Amino acid sequence: MEQRFCKKCLLKDISRDEYFKNVYEYIENLDEDIKAEDMLYKERLTICKQCDNLANGMCRICGCFVEMRAAIKKNYCPNNEKKW
């Protein structure tokens, strides 16, 4: 049975552990045809970790969770000077 993700919960309604579990399950369960290869994903996160716009796992430019954004191969850095 395919696991479904809650689309109607607010972050404040989810325990911290459950929230992080959901994020990583989402990334894990992405279709392979849209998912970035592991090496590319790790390169992107390395770049993000060095960026001044990273705050608590979120991009201060666009508000995304960088781990989720980096996991999809067609995505790109939202900075005017694209870093990846």
C-alpha atoms as a PDB file:
ATOM      1  CA  MET A   1       0.000   0.000   0.000  1.00  0.00           C
ATOM      2  CA  GLU A   2       1.366   3.398  -0.998  1.00  0.00           C
ATOM      3  CA  GLN A   3       1.985   5.780   1.887  1.00  0.00           C
ATOM      4  CA  ARG A   4       0.202   9.106   1.667  1.00  0.00           C
ATOM      5  CA  PHE A   5       1.467  12.379   3.026  1.00  0.00           C
ATOM      6  CA  CYS A   6      -0.717  14.751   4.963  1.00  0.00           C
ATOM      7  CA  LYS A   7      -1.522  17.772   2.823  1.00  0.00           C
ATOM      8  CA  LYS A   8      -3.713  19.499   5.365  1.00  0.00           C
ATOM      9  CA  CYS A   9      -1.478  19.664   8.430  1.00  0.00           C
ATOM     10  CA  LEU A  10       0.298  22.731   9.703  1.00  0.00           C
ATOM     11  CA  LEU A  11       3.845  22.356  10.952  1.00  0.00           C
ATOM     12  CA  LYS A  12       2.743  23.332  14.450  1.00  0.00           C
ATOM     13  CA  ASP A  13       0.373  20.337  14.462  1.00  0.00           C
ATOM     14  CA  ILE A  14       3.084  17.775  13.702  1.00  0.00           C
ATOM     15  CA  SER A  15       5.689  16.594  16.177  1.00  0.00           C
ATOM     16  CA  ARG A  16       9.240  17.540  15.233  1.00  0.00           C
ATOM     17  CA  ASP A  17      10.287  13.897  14.808  1.00  0.00           C
ATOM     18  CA  GLU A  18       7.254  13.093  12.665  1.00  0.00           C
ATOM     19  CA  TYR A  19       7.828  16.170  10.546  1.00  0.00           C
ATOM     20  CA  PHE A  20      11.429  15.249   9.714  1.00  0.00           C
ATOM     21  CA  LYS A  21      10.381  11.665   9.082  1.00  0.00           C
ATOM     22  CA  ASN A  22       7.786  12.918   6.574  1.00  0.00           C
ATOM     23  CA  VAL A  23      10.340  15.111   4.776  1.00  0.00           C
ATOM     24  CA  TYR A  24      12.817  12.278   4.338  1.00  0.00           C
ATOM     25  CA  GLU A  25      10.094   9.802   3.334  1.00  0.00           C
ATOM     26  CA  TYR A  26       8.923  12.294   0.706  1.00  0.00           C
ATOM     27  CA  ILE A  27      12.450  12.522  -0.715  1.00  0.00           C
ATOM     28  CA  GLU A  28      12.945   8.766  -0.550  1.00  0.00           C
ATOM     29  CA  ASN A  29       9.683   8.101  -2.377  1.00  0.00           C
ATOM     30  CA  LEU A  30      10.172  10.511  -5.272  1.00  0.00           C
ATOM     31  CA  ASP A  31       9.794   8.887  -8.678  1.00  0.00           C
ATOM     32  CA  GLU A  32      13.226   7.937  -9.975  1.00  0.00           C
ATOM     33  CA  ASP A  33      12.653   9.836 -13.219  1.00  0.00           C
ATOM     34  CA  ILE A  34      12.411  13.173 -11.362  1.00  0.00           C
ATOM     35  CA  LYS A  35      14.799  12.462  -8.494  1.00  0.00           C
ATOM     36  CA  ALA A  36      18.332  13.879  -8.564  1.00  0.00           C
ATOM     37  CA  GLU A  37      21.099  11.308  -8.446  1.00  0.00           C
ATOM     38  CA  ASP A  38      22.635  10.931  -4.995  1.00  0.00           C
ATOM     39  CA  MET A  39      25.922  12.583  -5.972  1.00  0.00           C
ATOM     40  CA  LEU A  40      24.151  15.620  -7.462  1.00  0.00           C
ATOM     41  CA  TYR A  41      21.888  15.860  -4.405  1.00  0.00           C
ATOM     42  CA  LYS A  42      24.874  15.853  -2.051  1.00  0.00           C
ATOM     43  CA  GLU A  43      26.740  18.444  -4.174  1.00  0.00           C
ATOM     44  CA  ARG A  44      23.728  20.746  -4.057  1.00  0.00           C
ATOM     45  CA  LEU A  45      23.397  20.430  -0.292  1.00  0.00           C
ATOM     46  CA  THR A  46      27.112  21.128   0.164  1.00  0.00           C
ATOM     47  CA  ILE A  47      26.673  24.352  -1.805  1.00  0.00           C
ATOM     48  CA  CYS A  48      23.561  25.291   0.173  1.00  0.00           C
ATOM     49  CA  LYS A  49      25.339  24.713   3.487  1.00  0.00           C
ATOM     50  CA  GLN A  50      27.885  27.365   2.496  1.00  0.00           C
ATOM     51  CA  CYS A  51      25.234  29.904   1.470  1.00  0.00           C
ATOM     52  CA  ASP A  52      24.326  32.873   3.681  1.00  0.00           C
ATOM     53  CA  ASN A  53      20.687  32.421   2.626  1.00  0.00           C
ATOM     54  CA  LEU A  54      20.332  29.053   4.381  1.00  0.00           C
ATOM     55  CA  ALA A  55      18.456  29.362   7.669  1.00  0.00           C
ATOM     56  CA  ASN A  56      17.145  26.363   9.621  1.00  0.00           C
ATOM     57  CA  GLY A  57      17.031  24.177   6.526  1.00  0.00           C
ATOM     58  CA  MET A  58      15.126  26.788   4.513  1.00  0.00           C
ATOM     59  CA  CYS A  59      16.201  29.069   1.717  1.00  0.00           C
ATOM     60  CA  ARG A  60      15.670  32.691   2.725  1.00  0.00           C
ATOM     61  CA  ILE A  61      15.275  33.677  -0.938  1.00  0.00           C
ATOM     62  CA  CYS A  62      12.317  31.469  -1.849  1.00  0.00           C
ATOM     63  CA  GLY A  63      11.272  29.815   1.424  1.00  0.00           C
ATOM     64  CA  CYS A  64      11.773  26.250   0.236  1.00  0.00           C
ATOM     65  CA  PHE A  65      13.243  23.447   2.297  1.00  0.00           C
ATOM     66  CA  VAL A  66      16.572  23.043   0.525  1.00  0.00           C
ATOM     67  CA  GLU A  67      16.737  19.282   1.023  1.00  0.00           C
ATOM     68  CA  MET A  68      13.438  18.876  -0.793  1.00  0.00           C
ATOM     69  CA  ARG A  69      14.337  21.336  -3.555  1.00  0.00           C
ATOM     70  CA  ALA A  70      17.737  19.730  -4.137  1.00  0.00           C
ATOM     71  CA  ALA A  71      16.195  16.249  -4.410  1.00  0.00           C
ATOM     72  CA  ILE A  72      14.403  17.039  -7.687  1.00  0.00           C
ATOM     73  CA  LYS A  73      16.777  17.100 -10.633  1.00  0.00           C
ATOM     74  CA  LYS A  74      14.992  19.807 -12.657  1.00  0.00           C
ATOM     75  CA  ASN A  75      15.121  22.275  -9.758  1.00  0.00           C
ATOM     76  CA  TYR A  76      17.771  24.954  -9.469  1.00  0.00           C
ATOM     77  CA  CYS A  77      19.098  27.441  -6.934  1.00  0.00           C
ATOM     78  CA  PRO A  78      16.728  30.448  -6.674  1.00  0.00           C
ATOM     79  CA  ASN A  79      19.592  32.912  -6.190  1.00  0.00           C
ATOM     80  CA  ASN A  80      20.015  35.503  -8.974  1.00  0.00           C
ATOM     81  CA  GLU A  81      23.481  34.040  -9.457  1.00  0.00           C
ATOM     82  CA  LYS A  82      22.455  30.396  -9.597  1.00  0.00           C
ATOM     83  CA  LYS A  83      24.799  28.356  -7.448  1.00  0.00           C
ATOM     84  CA  TRP A  84      23.484  25.052  -8.816  1.00  0.00           C
END
